[in-house]
Amino acid sequence: MQLINIIKEIASGFIKAMSTPWWVEIKTAEPNCTYYFGPFDNPDEAKDAHSGYVEDLTGEGAQGINVEIKRCKPVELTFCASGID
């Protein structure tokens, strides 16, 4: 019976992970901020869209830009360590 419960937990975790949407996470060194753009249905959609977000941030003077495409559920779409939102 324990094996069945373990299999159910693994399957449940897998299903939850697969239903988690894709996001573009962009971190900037200056200002020290993290931005989330999305959600996207798949990583290809997020990859196609991310250059526009980078272009906008660059135009606003952001420096040290790092982009990551990942599955997550961000609580805040913009977080700045310096208190700038």
PDB file of N, CA and C in Angstrom:
ATOM      1  N   MET A   1       0.822  -1.195   0.000  1.00  0.00           N
ATOM      2  CA  MET A   1       0.000   0.000   0.000  1.00  0.00           C
ATOM      3  C   MET A   1       0.866   1.259   0.000  1.00  0.00           C
ATOM      4  N   GLN A   2       1.993   1.228   0.669  1.00  0.00           N
ATOM      5  CA  GLN A   2       2.868   2.393   0.681  1.00  0.00           C
ATOM      6  C   GLN A   2       3.382   2.710  -0.718  1.00  0.00           C
ATOM      7  N   LEU A   3       3.685   1.695  -1.488  1.00  0.00           N
ATOM      8  CA  LEU A   3       4.188   1.900  -2.842  1.00  0.00           C
ATOM      9  C   LEU A   3       3.150   2.625  -3.693  1.00  0.00           C
ATOM     10  N   ILE A   4       1.904   2.275  -3.549  1.00  0.00           N
ATOM     11  CA  ILE A   4       0.836   2.937  -4.302  1.00  0.00           C
ATOM     12  C   ILE A   4       0.754   4.411  -3.913  1.00  0.00           C
ATOM     13  N   ASN A   5       0.873   4.716  -2.626  1.00  0.00           N
ATOM     14  CA  ASN A   5       0.831   6.105  -2.172  1.00  0.00           C
ATOM     15  C   ASN A   5       2.024   6.894  -2.699  1.00  0.00           C
ATOM     16  N   ILE A   6       3.177   6.287  -2.740  1.00  0.00           N
ATOM     17  CA  ILE A   6       4.375   6.946  -3.267  1.00  0.00           C
ATOM     18  C   ILE A   6       4.190   7.241  -4.747  1.00  0.00           C
ATOM     19  N   ILE A   7       3.673   6.274  -5.488  1.00  0.00           N
ATOM     20  CA  ILE A   7       3.432   6.465  -6.925  1.00  0.00           C
ATOM     21  C   ILE A   7       2.414   7.580  -7.145  1.00  0.00           C
ATOM     22  N   LYS A   8       1.363   7.623  -6.330  1.00  0.00           N
ATOM     23  CA  LYS A   8       0.351   8.675  -6.445  1.00  0.00           C
ATOM     24  C   LYS A   8       0.966  10.051  -6.176  1.00  0.00           C
ATOM     25  N   GLU A   9       1.825  10.152  -5.176  1.00  0.00           N
ATOM     26  CA  GLU A   9       2.467  11.423  -4.853  1.00  0.00           C
ATOM     27  C   GLU A   9       3.387  11.876  -5.980  1.00  0.00           C
ATOM     28  N   ILE A  10       4.142  10.951  -6.544  1.00  0.00           N
ATOM     29  CA  ILE A  10       5.033  11.283  -7.658  1.00  0.00           C
ATOM     30  C   ILE A  10       4.221  11.744  -8.860  1.00  0.00           C
ATOM     31  N   ALA A  11       3.169  11.036  -9.180  1.00  0.00           N
ATOM     32  CA  ALA A  11       2.322  11.399 -10.317  1.00  0.00           C
ATOM     33  C   ALA A  11       1.666  12.760 -10.093  1.00  0.00           C
ATOM     34  N   SER A  12       1.211  13.004  -8.883  1.00  0.00           N
ATOM     35  CA  SER A  12       0.586  14.281  -8.561  1.00  0.00           C
ATOM     36  C   SER A  12       1.585  15.427  -8.713  1.00  0.00           C
ATOM     37  N   GLY A  13       2.798  15.229  -8.229  1.00  0.00           N
ATOM     38  CA  GLY A  13       3.842  16.248  -8.362  1.00  0.00           C
ATOM     39  C   GLY A  13       4.196  16.506  -9.810  1.00  0.00           C
ATOM     40  N   PHE A  14       4.261  15.451 -10.597  1.00  0.00           N
ATOM     41  CA  PHE A  14       4.568  15.587 -12.022  1.00  0.00           C
ATOM     42  C   PHE A  14       3.476  16.364 -12.743  1.00  0.00           C
ATOM     43  N   ILE A  15       2.229  16.055 -12.453  1.00  0.00           N
ATOM     44  CA  ILE A  15       1.106  16.746 -13.087  1.00  0.00           C
ATOM     45  C   ILE A  15       1.104  18.224 -12.702  1.00  0.00           C
ATOM     46  N   LYS A  16       1.371  18.533 -11.434  1.00  0.00           N
ATOM     47  CA  LYS A  16       1.434  19.930 -10.999  1.00  0.00           C
ATOM     48  C   LYS A  16       2.559  20.663 -11.711  1.00  0.00           C
ATOM     49  N   ALA A  17       3.707  20.023 -11.825  1.00  0.00           N
ATOM     50  CA  ALA A  17       4.851  20.658 -12.491  1.00  0.00           C
ATOM     51  C   ALA A  17       4.543  20.915 -13.959  1.00  0.00           C
ATOM     52  N   MET A  18       3.889  19.980 -14.607  1.00  0.00           N
ATOM     53  CA  MET A  18       3.585  20.128 -16.027  1.00  0.00           C
ATOM     54  C   MET A  18       2.508  21.188 -16.272  1.00  0.00           C
ATOM     55  N   SER A  19       1.688  21.486 -15.259  1.00  0.00           N
ATOM     56  CA  SER A  19       0.652  22.496 -15.431  1.00  0.00           C
ATOM     57  C   SER A  19       1.130  23.886 -15.007  1.00  0.00           C
ATOM     58  N   THR A  20       2.336  23.987 -14.468  1.00  0.00           N
ATOM     59  CA  THR A  20       2.899  25.274 -14.085  1.00  0.00           C
ATOM     60  C   THR A  20       3.333  26.006 -15.349  1.00  0.00           C
ATOM     61  N   PRO A  21       2.885  27.248 -15.514  1.00  0.00           N
ATOM     62  CA  PRO A  21       3.211  27.978 -16.747  1.00  0.00           C
ATOM     63  C   PRO A  21       4.677  28.407 -16.811  1.00  0.00           C
ATOM     64  N   TRP A  22       5.085  28.772 -18.001  1.00  0.00           N
ATOM     65  CA  TRP A  22       6.434  29.259 -18.255  1.00  0.00           C
ATOM     66  C   TRP A  22       6.457  30.779 -18.101  1.00  0.00           C
ATOM     67  N   TRP A  23       7.546  31.284 -17.559  1.00  0.00           N
ATOM     68  CA  TRP A  23       7.733  32.718 -17.352  1.00  0.00           C
ATOM     69  C   TRP A  23       9.126  33.115 -17.821  1.00  0.00           C
ATOM     70  N   VAL A  24       9.249  34.376 -18.193  1.00  0.00           N
ATOM     71  CA  VAL A  24      10.557  34.970 -18.460  1.00  0.00           C
ATOM     72  C   VAL A  24      10.939  35.718 -17.190  1.00  0.00           C
ATOM     73  N   GLU A  25      12.030  35.289 -16.570  1.00  0.00           N
ATOM     74  CA  GLU A  25      12.551  35.982 -15.398  1.00  0.00           C
ATOM     75  C   GLU A  25      13.749  36.813 -15.857  1.00  0.00           C
ATOM     76  N   ILE A  26      13.680  38.102 -15.621  1.00  0.00           N
ATOM     77  CA  ILE A  26      14.789  38.989 -15.986  1.00  0.00           C
ATOM     78  C   ILE A  26      15.283  39.676 -14.727  1.00  0.00           C
ATOM     79  N   LYS A  27      16.561  39.487 -14.444  1.00  0.00           N
ATOM     80  CA  LYS A  27      17.204  40.152 -13.314  1.00  0.00           C
ATOM     81  C   LYS A  27      18.148  41.208 -13.861  1.00  0.00           C
ATOM     82  N   THR A  28      18.125  42.355 -13.234  1.00  0.00           N
ATOM     83  CA  THR A  28      19.026  43.433 -13.629  1.00  0.00           C
ATOM     84  C   THR A  28      19.903  43.806 -12.438  1.00  0.00           C
ATOM     85  N   ALA A  29      21.164  44.133 -12.734  1.00  0.00           N
ATOM     86  CA  ALA A  29      22.085  44.542 -11.680  1.00  0.00           C
ATOM     87  C   ALA A  29      21.826  45.993 -11.279  1.00  0.00           C
ATOM     88  N   GLU A  30      21.495  46.820 -12.277  1.00  0.00           N
ATOM     89  CA  GLU A  30      21.228  48.234 -12.020  1.00  0.00           C
ATOM     90  C   GLU A  30      20.032  48.667 -12.846  1.00  0.00           C
ATOM     91  N   PRO A  31      18.895  48.928 -12.256  1.00  0.00           N
ATOM     92  CA  PRO A  31      18.628  48.797 -10.830  1.00  0.00           C
ATOM     93  C   PRO A  31      18.581  47.325 -10.428  1.00  0.00           C
ATOM     94  N   ASN A  32      18.742  47.056  -9.161  1.00  0.00           N
ATOM     95  CA  ASN A  32      18.753  45.690  -8.643  1.00  0.00           C
ATOM     96  C   ASN A  32      17.309  45.190  -8.557  1.00  0.00           C
ATOM     97  N   CYS A  33      16.811  44.656  -9.677  1.00  0.00           N
ATOM     98  CA  CYS A  33      15.406  44.248  -9.766  1.00  0.00           C
ATOM     99  C   CYS A  33      15.267  42.875 -10.423  1.00  0.00           C
ATOM    100  N   THR A  34      14.147  42.237 -10.128  1.00  0.00           N
ATOM    101  CA  THR A  34      13.739  41.009 -10.799  1.00  0.00           C
ATOM    102  C   THR A  34      12.353  41.257 -11.386  1.00  0.00           C
ATOM    103  N   TYR A  35      12.214  40.931 -12.653  1.00  0.00           N
ATOM    104  CA  TYR A  35      10.951  41.123 -13.372  1.00  0.00           C
ATOM    105  C   TYR A  35      10.481  39.774 -13.905  1.00  0.00           C
ATOM    106  N   TYR A  36       9.178  39.549 -13.858  1.00  0.00           N
ATOM    107  CA  TYR A  36       8.592  38.347 -14.442  1.00  0.00           C
ATOM    108  C   TYR A  36       7.613  38.758 -15.531  1.00  0.00           C
ATOM    109  N   PHE A  37       7.730  38.113 -16.684  1.00  0.00           N
ATOM    110  CA  PHE A  37       6.842  38.352 -17.816  1.00  0.00           C
ATOM    111  C   PHE A  37       6.222  37.025 -18.222  1.00  0.00           C
ATOM    112  N   GLY A  38       4.929  37.019 -18.381  1.00  0.00           N
ATOM    113  CA  GLY A  38       4.236  35.796 -18.751  1.00  0.00           C
ATOM    114  C   GLY A  38       2.806  35.870 -18.273  1.00  0.00           C
ATOM    115  N   PRO A  39       2.162  34.756 -18.130  1.00  0.00           N
ATOM    116  CA  PRO A  39       2.641  33.384 -18.342  1.00  0.00           C
ATOM    117  C   PRO A  39       2.587  32.980 -19.814  1.00  0.00           C
ATOM    118  N   PHE A  40       3.366  31.967 -20.131  1.00  0.00           N
ATOM    119  CA  PHE A  40       3.418  31.389 -21.468  1.00  0.00           C
ATOM    120  C   PHE A  40       3.093  29.902 -21.384  1.00  0.00           C
ATOM    121  N   ASP A  41       2.532  29.375 -22.460  1.00  0.00           N
ATOM    122  CA  ASP A  41       2.155  27.961 -22.500  1.00  0.00           C
ATOM    123  C   ASP A  41       3.350  27.030 -22.677  1.00  0.00           C
ATOM    124  N   ASN A  42       4.421  27.553 -23.295  1.00  0.00           N
ATOM    125  CA  ASN A  42       5.585  26.706 -23.527  1.00  0.00           C
ATOM    126  C   ASN A  42       6.845  27.571 -23.567  1.00  0.00           C
ATOM    127  N   PRO A  43       8.003  26.956 -23.442  1.00  0.00           N
ATOM    128  CA  PRO A  43       9.242  27.742 -23.393  1.00  0.00           C
ATOM    129  C   PRO A  43       9.556  28.462 -24.699  1.00  0.00           C
ATOM    130  N   ASP A  44       9.117  27.925 -25.820  1.00  0.00           N
ATOM    131  CA  ASP A  44       9.376  28.584 -27.103  1.00  0.00           C
ATOM    132  C   ASP A  44       8.673  29.939 -27.186  1.00  0.00           C
ATOM    133  N   GLU A  45       7.442  30.013 -26.687  1.00  0.00           N
ATOM    134  CA  GLU A  45       6.722  31.291 -26.670  1.00  0.00           C
ATOM    135  C   GLU A  45       7.470  32.309 -25.815  1.00  0.00           C
ATOM    136  N   ALA A  46       7.951  31.858 -24.668  1.00  0.00           N
ATOM    137  CA  ALA A  46       8.688  32.749 -23.769  1.00  0.00           C
ATOM    138  C   ALA A  46       9.992  33.219 -24.414  1.00  0.00           C
ATOM    139  N   LYS A  47      10.700  32.316 -25.086  1.00  0.00           N
ATOM    140  CA  LYS A  47      11.949  32.678 -25.769  1.00  0.00           C
ATOM    141  C   LYS A  47      11.690  33.686 -26.876  1.00  0.00           C
ATOM    142  N   ASP A  48      10.599  33.508 -27.609  1.00  0.00           N
ATOM    143  CA  ASP A  48      10.268  34.426 -28.694  1.00  0.00           C
ATOM    144  C   ASP A  48       9.965  35.828 -28.165  1.00  0.00           C
ATOM    145  N   ALA A  49       9.395  35.914 -26.972  1.00  0.00           N
ATOM    146  CA  ALA A  49       8.965  37.204 -26.433  1.00  0.00           C
ATOM    147  C   ALA A  49      10.049  37.930 -25.635  1.00  0.00           C
ATOM    148  N   HIS A  50      11.029  37.212 -25.121  1.00  0.00           N
ATOM    149  CA  HIS A  50      11.941  37.825 -24.144  1.00  0.00           C
ATOM    150  C   HIS A  50      12.772  38.976 -24.701  1.00  0.00           C
ATOM    151  N   SER A  51      13.109  38.948 -25.974  1.00  0.00           N
ATOM    152  CA  SER A  51      13.966  40.011 -26.518  1.00  0.00           C
ATOM    153  C   SER A  51      13.276  41.370 -26.456  1.00  0.00           C
ATOM    154  N   GLY A  52      11.971  41.398 -26.599  1.00  0.00           N
ATOM    155  CA  GLY A  52      11.235  42.660 -26.489  1.00  0.00           C
ATOM    156  C   GLY A  52      11.300  43.237 -25.084  1.00  0.00           C
ATOM    157  N   TYR A  53      11.235  42.365 -24.083  1.00  0.00           N
ATOM    158  CA  TYR A  53      11.327  42.823 -22.697  1.00  0.00           C
ATOM    159  C   TYR A  53      12.728  43.355 -22.403  1.00  0.00           C
ATOM    160  N   VAL A  54      13.736  42.655 -22.905  1.00  0.00           N
ATOM    161  CA  VAL A  54      15.117  43.094 -22.711  1.00  0.00           C
ATOM    162  C   VAL A  54      15.331  44.444 -23.391  1.00  0.00           C
ATOM    163  N   GLU A  55      14.792  44.588 -24.581  1.00  0.00           N
ATOM    164  CA  GLU A  55      14.918  45.851 -25.312  1.00  0.00           C
ATOM    165  C   GLU A  55      14.294  47.006 -24.526  1.00  0.00           C
ATOM    166  N   ASP A  56      13.112  46.774 -23.961  1.00  0.00           N
ATOM    167  CA  ASP A  56      12.451  47.818 -23.168  1.00  0.00           C
ATOM    168  C   ASP A  56      13.282  48.192 -21.947  1.00  0.00           C
ATOM    169  N   LEU A  57      13.795  47.185 -21.232  1.00  0.00           N
ATOM    170  CA  LEU A  57      14.588  47.460 -20.033  1.00  0.00           C
ATOM    171  C   LEU A  57      15.886  48.176 -20.383  1.00  0.00           C
ATOM    172  N   THR A  58      16.504  47.767 -21.475  1.00  0.00           N
ATOM    173  CA  THR A  58      17.732  48.435 -21.928  1.00  0.00           C
ATOM    174  C   THR A  58      17.438  49.894 -22.262  1.00  0.00           C
ATOM    175  N   GLY A  59      16.317  50.138 -22.913  1.00  0.00           N
ATOM    176  CA  GLY A  59      15.912  51.496 -23.252  1.00  0.00           C
ATOM    177  C   GLY A  59      15.665  52.363 -22.029  1.00  0.00           C
ATOM    178  N   GLU A  60      15.298  51.722 -20.923  1.00  0.00           N
ATOM    179  CA  GLU A  60      15.082  52.446 -19.671  1.00  0.00           C
ATOM    180  C   GLU A  60      16.377  52.603 -18.877  1.00  0.00           C
ATOM    181  N   GLY A  61      17.488  52.092 -19.423  1.00  0.00           N
ATOM    182  CA  GLY A  61      18.788  52.265 -18.774  1.00  0.00           C
ATOM    183  C   GLY A  61      19.223  51.124 -17.874  1.00  0.00           C
ATOM    184  N   ALA A  62      18.500  50.016 -17.882  1.00  0.00           N
ATOM    185  CA  ALA A  62      18.884  48.877 -17.042  1.00  0.00           C
ATOM    186  C   ALA A  62      20.212  48.303 -17.519  1.00  0.00           C
ATOM    187  N   GLN A  63      21.018  47.831 -16.565  1.00  0.00           N
ATOM    188  CA  GLN A  63      22.323  47.251 -16.875  1.00  0.00           C
ATOM    189  C   GLN A  63      22.463  45.903 -16.178  1.00  0.00           C
ATOM    190  N   GLY A  64      23.369  45.085 -16.698  1.00  0.00           N
ATOM    191  CA  GLY A  64      23.605  43.771 -16.099  1.00  0.00           C
ATOM    192  C   GLY A  64      22.386  42.876 -16.191  1.00  0.00           C
ATOM    193  N   ILE A  65      21.857  42.722 -17.381  1.00  0.00           N
ATOM    194  CA  ILE A  65      20.604  41.985 -17.595  1.00  0.00           C
ATOM    195  C   ILE A  65      20.881  40.496 -17.756  1.00  0.00           C
ATOM    196  N   ASN A  66      20.162  39.691 -16.980  1.00  0.00           N
ATOM    197  CA  ASN A  66      20.258  38.231 -17.041  1.00  0.00           C
ATOM    198  C   ASN A  66      18.853  37.668 -17.243  1.00  0.00           C
ATOM    199  N   VAL A  67      18.686  36.816 -18.259  1.00  0.00           N
ATOM    200  CA  VAL A  67      17.376  36.264 -18.608  1.00  0.00           C
ATOM    201  C   VAL A  67      17.353  34.766 -18.335  1.00  0.00           C
ATOM    202  N   GLU A  68      16.255  34.309 -17.743  1.00  0.00           N
ATOM    203  CA  GLU A  68      16.050  32.877 -17.538  1.00  0.00           C
ATOM    204  C   GLU A  68      14.598  32.552 -17.883  1.00  0.00           C
ATOM    205  N   ILE A  69      14.409  31.497 -18.665  1.00  0.00           N
ATOM    206  CA  ILE A  69      13.072  31.000 -18.989  1.00  0.00           C
ATOM    207  C   ILE A  69      12.829  29.823 -18.062  1.00  0.00           C
ATOM    208  N   LYS A  70      11.739  29.891 -17.278  1.00  0.00           N
ATOM    209  CA  LYS A  70      11.514  28.807 -16.324  1.00  0.00           C
ATOM    210  C   LYS A  70      10.043  28.678 -15.962  1.00  0.00           C
ATOM    211  N   ARG A  71       9.730  27.521 -15.412  1.00  0.00           N
ATOM    212  CA  ARG A  71       8.394  27.278 -14.880  1.00  0.00           C
ATOM    213  C   ARG A  71       8.383  27.780 -13.445  1.00  0.00           C
ATOM    214  N   CYS A  72       7.407  28.614 -13.142  1.00  0.00           N
ATOM    215  CA  CYS A  72       7.297  29.092 -11.770  1.00  0.00           C
ATOM    216  C   CYS A  72       5.934  29.753 -11.590  1.00  0.00           C
ATOM    217  N   LYS A  73       5.686  30.185 -10.382  1.00  0.00           N
ATOM    218  CA  LYS A  73       4.474  30.923 -10.049  1.00  0.00           C
ATOM    219  C   LYS A  73       4.904  32.132  -9.234  1.00  0.00           C
ATOM    220  N   PRO A  74       5.328  33.201  -9.913  1.00  0.00           N
ATOM    221  CA  PRO A  74       5.821  34.354  -9.165  1.00  0.00           C
ATOM    222  C   PRO A  74       4.725  34.995  -8.319  1.00  0.00           C
ATOM    223  N   VAL A  75       5.113  35.411  -7.135  1.00  0.00           N
ATOM    224  CA  VAL A  75       4.187  36.094  -6.235  1.00  0.00           C
ATOM    225  C   VAL A  75       4.090  37.564  -6.625  1.00  0.00           C
ATOM    226  N   GLU A  76       5.239  38.152  -6.953  1.00  0.00           N
ATOM    227  CA  GLU A  76       5.301  39.538  -7.410  1.00  0.00           C
ATOM    228  C   GLU A  76       5.871  39.540  -8.826  1.00  0.00           C
ATOM    229  N   LEU A  77       5.334  40.384  -9.685  1.00  0.00           N
ATOM    230  CA  LEU A  77       5.841  40.450 -11.054  1.00  0.00           C
ATOM    231  C   LEU A  77       7.084  41.331 -11.154  1.00  0.00           C
ATOM    232  N   THR A  78       7.238  42.264 -10.228  1.00  0.00           N
ATOM    233  CA  THR A  78       8.416  43.113 -10.178  1.00  0.00           C
ATOM    234  C   THR A  78       8.856  43.239  -8.730  1.00  0.00           C
ATOM    235  N   PHE A  79      10.128  42.964  -8.497  1.00  0.00           N
ATOM    236  CA  PHE A  79      10.680  43.130  -7.159  1.00  0.00           C
ATOM    237  C   PHE A  79      12.010  43.841  -7.287  1.00  0.00           C
ATOM    238  N   CYS A  80      12.152  44.949  -6.586  1.00  0.00           N
ATOM    239  CA  CYS A  80      13.403  45.708  -6.600  1.00  0.00           C
ATOM    240  C   CYS A  80      13.951  45.801  -5.181  1.00  0.00           C
ATOM    241  N   ALA A  81      15.199  45.425  -5.016  1.00  0.00           N
ATOM    242  CA  ALA A  81      15.836  45.464  -3.706  1.00  0.00           C
ATOM    243  C   ALA A  81      15.947  46.890  -3.188  1.00  0.00           C
ATOM    244  N   SER A  82      16.044  47.848  -4.103  1.00  0.00           N
ATOM    245  CA  SER A  82      16.178  49.244  -3.708  1.00  0.00           C
ATOM    246  C   SER A  82      14.830  49.896  -3.382  1.00  0.00           C
ATOM    247  N   GLY A  83      13.752  49.121  -3.515  1.00  0.00           N
ATOM    248  CA  GLY A  83      12.425  49.650  -3.228  1.00  0.00           C
ATOM    249  C   GLY A  83      11.757  50.305  -4.421  1.00  0.00           C
ATOM    250  N   ILE A  84      12.400  50.271  -5.588  1.00  0.00           N
ATOM    251  CA  ILE A  84      11.806  50.846  -6.800  1.00  0.00           C
ATOM    252  C   ILE A  84      10.909  49.797  -7.439  1.00  0.00           C
ATOM    253  N   ASP A  85       9.672  50.140  -7.719  1.00  0.00           N
ATOM    254  CA  ASP A  85       8.763  49.203  -8.405  1.00  0.00           C
ATOM    255  C   ASP A  85       8.337  49.761  -9.728  1.00  0.00           C
TER     256      ASP A  85
END
